């Protein structure tokens, strides 16, 4: 998985009633776009993310 600053990340809910979480990659801490990523989620929460198989990167058009 590779990302750049400005890409969007979607982490799928793992349970039936869990909503997906969406956010923006604000910092890439791994080499060559590799995780971990500092992500600002749409609710304003920022956290360091090591994405698993439930995550999808949506690359920005830039």
PDB file of N, CA and C in Angstrom:
ATOM      1  N   UNK A   1       0.847  -1.170   0.000  1.00  0.00           N
ATOM      2  CA  UNK A   1       0.000   0.000   0.000  1.00  0.00           C
ATOM      3  C   UNK A   1       0.892   1.232   0.000  1.00  0.00           C
ATOM      4  N   UNK A   2       0.565   2.179  -0.872  1.00  0.00           N
ATOM      5  CA  UNK A   2       1.305   3.430  -0.942  1.00  0.00           C
ATOM      6  C   UNK A   2       0.336   4.596  -1.004  1.00  0.00           C
ATOM      7  N   UNK A   3       0.734   5.703  -0.364  1.00  0.00           N
ATOM      8  CA  UNK A   3      -0.091   6.902  -0.355  1.00  0.00           C
ATOM      9  C   UNK A   3       0.798   8.127  -0.408  1.00  0.00           C
ATOM     10  N   UNK A   4       0.209   9.235  -0.766  1.00  0.00           N
ATOM     11  CA  UNK A   4       0.875  10.527  -0.717  1.00  0.00           C
ATOM     12  C   UNK A   4      -0.011  11.484   0.067  1.00  0.00           C
ATOM     13  N   UNK A   5       0.576  12.581   0.494  1.00  0.00           N
ATOM     14  CA  UNK A   5      -0.187  13.590   1.231  1.00  0.00           C
ATOM     15  C   UNK A   5      -1.338  14.067   0.360  1.00  0.00           C
ATOM     16  N   UNK A   6      -2.508  14.146   0.939  1.00  0.00           N
ATOM     17  CA  UNK A   6      -3.706  14.570   0.220  1.00  0.00           C
ATOM     18  C   UNK A   6      -4.581  13.429  -0.240  1.00  0.00           C
ATOM     19  N   UNK A   7      -4.048  12.213  -0.262  1.00  0.00           N
ATOM     20  CA  UNK A   7      -4.876  11.055  -0.618  1.00  0.00           C
ATOM     21  C   UNK A   7      -5.931  10.844   0.456  1.00  0.00           C
ATOM     22  N   UNK A   8      -7.009  10.203   0.079  1.00  0.00           N
ATOM     23  CA  UNK A   8      -8.077   9.864   1.009  1.00  0.00           C
ATOM     24  C   UNK A   8      -7.920   8.395   1.389  1.00  0.00           C
ATOM     25  N   UNK A   9      -8.304   8.075   2.619  1.00  0.00           N
ATOM     26  CA  UNK A   9      -8.285   6.689   3.074  1.00  0.00           C
ATOM     27  C   UNK A   9      -9.681   6.334   3.583  1.00  0.00           C
ATOM     28  N   UNK A  10     -10.111   5.146   3.241  1.00  0.00           N
ATOM     29  CA  UNK A  10     -11.388   4.624   3.729  1.00  0.00           C
ATOM     30  C   UNK A  10     -11.085   3.323   4.459  1.00  0.00           C
ATOM     31  N   UNK A  11     -11.486   3.274   5.718  1.00  0.00           N
ATOM     32  CA  UNK A  11     -11.326   2.058   6.513  1.00  0.00           C
ATOM     33  C   UNK A  11     -12.714   1.477   6.726  1.00  0.00           C
ATOM     34  N   UNK A  12     -12.917   0.325   6.175  1.00  0.00           N
ATOM     35  CA  UNK A  12     -14.237  -0.328   6.220  1.00  0.00           C
ATOM     36  C   UNK A  12     -14.577  -0.758   7.644  1.00  0.00           C
ATOM     37  N   UNK A  13     -15.843  -0.623   8.005  1.00  0.00           N
ATOM     38  CA  UNK A  13     -16.315  -1.092   9.297  1.00  0.00           C
ATOM     39  C   UNK A  13     -16.166  -2.595   9.387  1.00  0.00           C
ATOM     40  N   UNK A  14     -15.745  -3.082  10.541  1.00  0.00           N
ATOM     41  CA  UNK A  14     -15.490  -4.514  10.681  1.00  0.00           C
ATOM     42  C   UNK A  14     -16.693  -5.297  11.200  1.00  0.00           C
ATOM     43  N   UNK A  15     -17.713  -4.598  11.642  1.00  0.00           N
ATOM     44  CA  UNK A  15     -18.923  -5.241  12.143  1.00  0.00           C
ATOM     45  C   UNK A  15     -20.120  -4.737  11.357  1.00  0.00           C
ATOM     46  N   UNK A  16     -21.213  -5.436  11.429  1.00  0.00           N
ATOM     47  CA  UNK A  16     -22.408  -5.091  10.668  1.00  0.00           C
ATOM     48  C   UNK A  16     -22.856  -3.661  10.950  1.00  0.00           C
ATOM     49  N   UNK A  17     -22.823  -3.230  12.192  1.00  0.00           N
ATOM     50  CA  UNK A  17     -23.317  -1.898  12.536  1.00  0.00           C
ATOM     51  C   UNK A  17     -22.221  -0.836  12.562  1.00  0.00           C
ATOM     52  N   UNK A  18     -20.984  -1.198  12.207  1.00  0.00           N
ATOM     53  CA  UNK A  18     -19.881  -0.242  12.203  1.00  0.00           C
ATOM     54  C   UNK A  18     -19.851   0.529  10.891  1.00  0.00           C
ATOM     55  N   UNK A  19     -19.762   1.839  10.991  1.00  0.00           N
ATOM     56  CA  UNK A  19     -19.679   2.679   9.792  1.00  0.00           C
ATOM     57  C   UNK A  19     -18.245   2.710   9.281  1.00  0.00           C
ATOM     58  N   UNK A  20     -18.102   2.959   7.986  1.00  0.00           N
ATOM     59  CA  UNK A  20     -16.776   3.163   7.420  1.00  0.00           C
ATOM     60  C   UNK A  20     -16.225   4.479   7.949  1.00  0.00           C
ATOM     61  N   UNK A  21     -14.891   4.572   8.047  1.00  0.00           N
ATOM     62  CA  UNK A  21     -14.229   5.812   8.467  1.00  0.00           C
ATOM     63  C   UNK A  21     -13.467   6.360   7.283  1.00  0.00           C
ATOM     64  N   UNK A  22     -13.615   7.663   7.051  1.00  0.00           N
ATOM     65  CA  UNK A  22     -12.964   8.324   5.926  1.00  0.00           C
ATOM     66  C   UNK A  22     -12.084   9.442   6.449  1.00  0.00           C
ATOM     67  N   UNK A  23     -10.927   9.616   5.825  1.00  0.00           N
ATOM     68  CA  UNK A  23     -10.032  10.678   6.242  1.00  0.00           C
ATOM     69  C   UNK A  23      -9.029  11.026   5.164  1.00  0.00           C
ATOM     70  N   UNK A  24      -8.213  12.027   5.475  1.00  0.00           N
ATOM     71  CA  UNK A  24      -7.191  12.511   4.555  1.00  0.00           C
ATOM     72  C   UNK A  24      -5.813  12.210   5.124  1.00  0.00           C
ATOM     73  N   UNK A  25      -4.916  11.732   4.275  1.00  0.00           N
ATOM     74  CA  UNK A  25      -3.536  11.483   4.678  1.00  0.00           C
ATOM     75  C   UNK A  25      -2.846  12.847   4.768  1.00  0.00           C
ATOM     76  N   UNK A  26      -2.386  13.228   5.970  1.00  0.00           N
ATOM     77  CA  UNK A  26      -1.726  14.515   6.157  1.00  0.00           C
ATOM     78  C   UNK A  26      -0.217  14.366   6.306  1.00  0.00           C
ATOM     79  N   UNK A  27       0.263  13.141   6.540  1.00  0.00           N
ATOM     80  CA  UNK A  27       1.700  12.895   6.640  1.00  0.00           C
ATOM     81  C   UNK A  27       1.977  11.430   6.346  1.00  0.00           C
ATOM     82  N   UNK A  28       3.014  11.178   5.569  1.00  0.00           N
ATOM     83  CA  UNK A  28       3.455   9.817   5.265  1.00  0.00           C
ATOM     84  C   UNK A  28       4.774   9.612   5.999  1.00  0.00           C
ATOM     85  N   UNK A  29       4.828   8.643   6.897  1.00  0.00           N
ATOM     86  CA  UNK A  29       6.023   8.433   7.711  1.00  0.00           C
ATOM     87  C   UNK A  29       6.885   7.264   7.248  1.00  0.00           C
ATOM     88  N   UNK A  30       6.373   6.457   6.348  1.00  0.00           N
ATOM     89  CA  UNK A  30       7.148   5.342   5.820  1.00  0.00           C
ATOM     90  C   UNK A  30       7.942   5.768   4.593  1.00  0.00           C
ATOM     91  N   UNK A  31       8.801   4.900   4.122  1.00  0.00           N
ATOM     92  CA  UNK A  31       9.602   5.176   2.936  1.00  0.00           C
ATOM     93  C   UNK A  31       8.799   4.929   1.667  1.00  0.00           C
ATOM     94  N   UNK A  32       8.965   5.800   0.684  1.00  0.00           N
ATOM     95  CA  UNK A  32       8.340   5.655  -0.634  1.00  0.00           C
ATOM     96  C   UNK A  32       6.830   5.493  -0.566  1.00  0.00           C
ATOM     97  N   UNK A  33       6.183   6.221   0.326  1.00  0.00           N
ATOM     98  CA  UNK A  33       4.727   6.187   0.419  1.00  0.00           C
ATOM     99  C   UNK A  33       4.158   5.063   1.254  1.00  0.00           C
ATOM    100  N   UNK A  34       5.005   4.326   1.943  1.00  0.00           N
ATOM    101  CA  UNK A  34       4.547   3.200   2.763  1.00  0.00           C
ATOM    102  C   UNK A  34       4.023   3.684   4.114  1.00  0.00           C
ATOM    103  N   UNK A  35       3.186   2.891   4.767  1.00  0.00           N
ATOM    104  CA  UNK A  35       2.690   3.249   6.098  1.00  0.00           C
ATOM    105  C   UNK A  35       3.821   3.310   7.105  1.00  0.00           C
ATOM    106  N   UNK A  36       3.594   3.948   8.227  1.00  0.00           N
ATOM    107  CA  UNK A  36       2.331   4.476   8.742  1.00  0.00           C
ATOM    108  C   UNK A  36       2.008   5.850   8.169  1.00  0.00           C
ATOM    109  N   UNK A  37       0.719   6.219   8.307  1.00  0.00           N
ATOM    110  CA  UNK A  37       0.209   7.502   7.839  1.00  0.00           C
ATOM    111  C   UNK A  37      -0.429   8.245   8.998  1.00  0.00           C
ATOM    112  N   UNK A  38      -0.199   9.547   9.032  1.00  0.00           N
ATOM    113  CA  UNK A  38      -0.953  10.388   9.943  1.00  0.00           C
ATOM    114  C   UNK A  38      -2.204  10.791   9.190  1.00  0.00           C
ATOM    115  N   UNK A  39      -3.365  10.459   9.743  1.00  0.00           N
ATOM    116  CA  UNK A  39      -4.637  10.669   9.051  1.00  0.00           C
ATOM    117  C   UNK A  39      -5.522  11.590   9.877  1.00  0.00           C
ATOM    118  N   UNK A  40      -6.119  12.576   9.185  1.00  0.00           N
ATOM    119  CA  UNK A  40      -7.145  13.423   9.801  1.00  0.00           C
ATOM    120  C   UNK A  40      -8.494  12.923   9.289  1.00  0.00           C
ATOM    121  N   UNK A  41      -9.240  12.309  10.186  1.00  0.00           N
ATOM    122  CA  UNK A  41     -10.544  11.769   9.808  1.00  0.00           C
ATOM    123  C   UNK A  41     -11.560  12.893   9.677  1.00  0.00           C
ATOM    124  N   UNK A  42     -12.640  12.615   8.976  1.00  0.00           N
ATOM    125  CA  UNK A  42     -13.653  13.623   8.692  1.00  0.00           C
ATOM    126  C   UNK A  42     -14.271  14.225   9.946  1.00  0.00           C
ATOM    127  N   UNK A  43     -14.197  13.506  11.068  1.00  0.00           N
ATOM    128  CA  UNK A  43     -14.730  14.048  12.327  1.00  0.00           C
ATOM    129  C   UNK A  43     -13.724  14.944  13.048  1.00  0.00           C
ATOM    130  N   UNK A  44     -12.526  15.162  12.429  1.00  0.00           N
ATOM    131  CA  UNK A  44     -11.513  16.025  13.006  1.00  0.00           C
ATOM    132  C   UNK A  44     -10.442  15.300  13.806  1.00  0.00           C
ATOM    133  N   UNK A  45     -10.664  14.051  14.124  1.00  0.00           N
ATOM    134  CA  UNK A  45      -9.709  13.253  14.902  1.00  0.00           C
ATOM    135  C   UNK A  45      -8.490  12.942  14.050  1.00  0.00           C
ATOM    136  N   UNK A  46      -7.281  13.094  14.602  1.00  0.00           N
ATOM    137  CA  UNK A  46      -6.046  12.731  13.914  1.00  0.00           C
ATOM    138  C   UNK A  46      -5.381  11.582  14.657  1.00  0.00           C
ATOM    139  N   UNK A  47      -4.878  10.622  13.899  1.00  0.00           N
ATOM    140  CA  UNK A  47      -4.200   9.488  14.507  1.00  0.00           C
ATOM    141  C   UNK A  47      -3.232   8.859  13.511  1.00  0.00           C
ATOM    142  N   UNK A  48      -2.276   8.118  14.028  1.00  0.00           N
ATOM    143  CA  UNK A  48      -1.325   7.380  13.215  1.00  0.00           C
ATOM    144  C   UNK A  48      -1.980   6.056  12.814  1.00  0.00           C
ATOM    145  N   UNK A  49      -1.970   5.759  11.522  1.00  0.00           N
ATOM    146  CA  UNK A  49      -2.675   4.588  11.004  1.00  0.00           C
ATOM    147  C   UNK A  49      -1.693   3.649  10.315  1.00  0.00           C
ATOM    148  N   UNK A  50      -1.764   2.397  10.697  1.00  0.00           N
ATOM    149  CA  UNK A  50      -1.076   1.304  10.009  1.00  0.00           C
ATOM    150  C   UNK A  50      -2.190   0.509   9.323  1.00  0.00           C
ATOM    151  N   UNK A  51      -2.530   0.837   8.076  1.00  0.00           N
ATOM    152  CA  UNK A  51      -3.707   0.240   7.443  1.00  0.00           C
ATOM    153  C   UNK A  51      -3.590  -1.266   7.262  1.00  0.00           C
ATOM    154  N   UNK A  52      -4.712  -1.918   7.440  1.00  0.00           N
ATOM    155  CA  UNK A  52      -4.804  -3.353   7.219  1.00  0.00           C
ATOM    156  C   UNK A  52      -5.548  -3.641   5.935  1.00  0.00           C
ATOM    157  N   UNK A  53      -6.022  -4.851   5.815  1.00  0.00           N
ATOM    158  CA  UNK A  53      -6.721  -5.272   4.597  1.00  0.00           C
ATOM    159  C   UNK A  53      -8.091  -4.624   4.460  1.00  0.00           C
ATOM    160  N   UNK A  54      -8.566  -3.986   5.532  1.00  0.00           N
ATOM    161  CA  UNK A  54      -9.864  -3.329   5.489  1.00  0.00           C
ATOM    162  C   UNK A  54      -9.770  -1.879   5.020  1.00  0.00           C
ATOM    163  N   UNK A  55      -8.592  -1.428   4.609  1.00  0.00           N
ATOM    164  CA  UNK A  55      -8.379  -0.034   4.205  1.00  0.00           C
ATOM    165  C   UNK A  55      -8.162   0.074   2.702  1.00  0.00           C
ATOM    166  N   UNK A  56      -8.653   1.189   2.133  1.00  0.00           N
ATOM    167  CA  UNK A  56      -8.486   1.481   0.719  1.00  0.00           C
ATOM    168  C   UNK A  56      -7.974   2.905   0.600  1.00  0.00           C
ATOM    169  N   UNK A  57      -6.940   3.100  -0.227  1.00  0.00           N
ATOM    170  CA  UNK A  57      -6.414   4.440  -0.491  1.00  0.00           C
ATOM    171  C   UNK A  57      -7.054   4.952  -1.780  1.00  0.00           C
ATOM    172  N   UNK A  58      -7.604   6.149  -1.718  1.00  0.00           N
ATOM    173  CA  UNK A  58      -8.170   6.812  -2.897  1.00  0.00           C
ATOM    174  C   UNK A  58      -7.203   7.935  -3.245  1.00  0.00           C
ATOM    175  N   UNK A  59      -6.432   7.763  -4.322  1.00  0.00           N
ATOM    176  CA  UNK A  59      -5.389   8.702  -4.690  1.00  0.00           C
ATOM    177  C   UNK A  59      -5.986  10.010  -5.198  1.00  0.00           C
ATOM    178  N   UNK A  60      -5.360  11.113  -4.794  1.00  0.00           N
ATOM    179  CA  UNK A  60      -5.818  12.430  -5.236  1.00  0.00           C
ATOM    180  C   UNK A  60      -5.459  12.636  -6.707  1.00  0.00           C
ATOM    181  N   UNK A  61      -6.164  13.539  -7.348  1.00  0.00           N
ATOM    182  CA  UNK A  61      -5.946  13.803  -8.774  1.00  0.00           C
ATOM    183  C   UNK A  61      -4.654  14.552  -9.036  1.00  0.00           C
ATOM    184  N   UNK A  62      -4.100  15.178  -8.003  1.00  0.00           N
ATOM    185  CA  UNK A  62      -2.861  15.958  -8.191  1.00  0.00           C
ATOM    186  C   UNK A  62      -1.758  14.998  -8.376  1.00  0.00           C
TER     187      UNK A  62
END
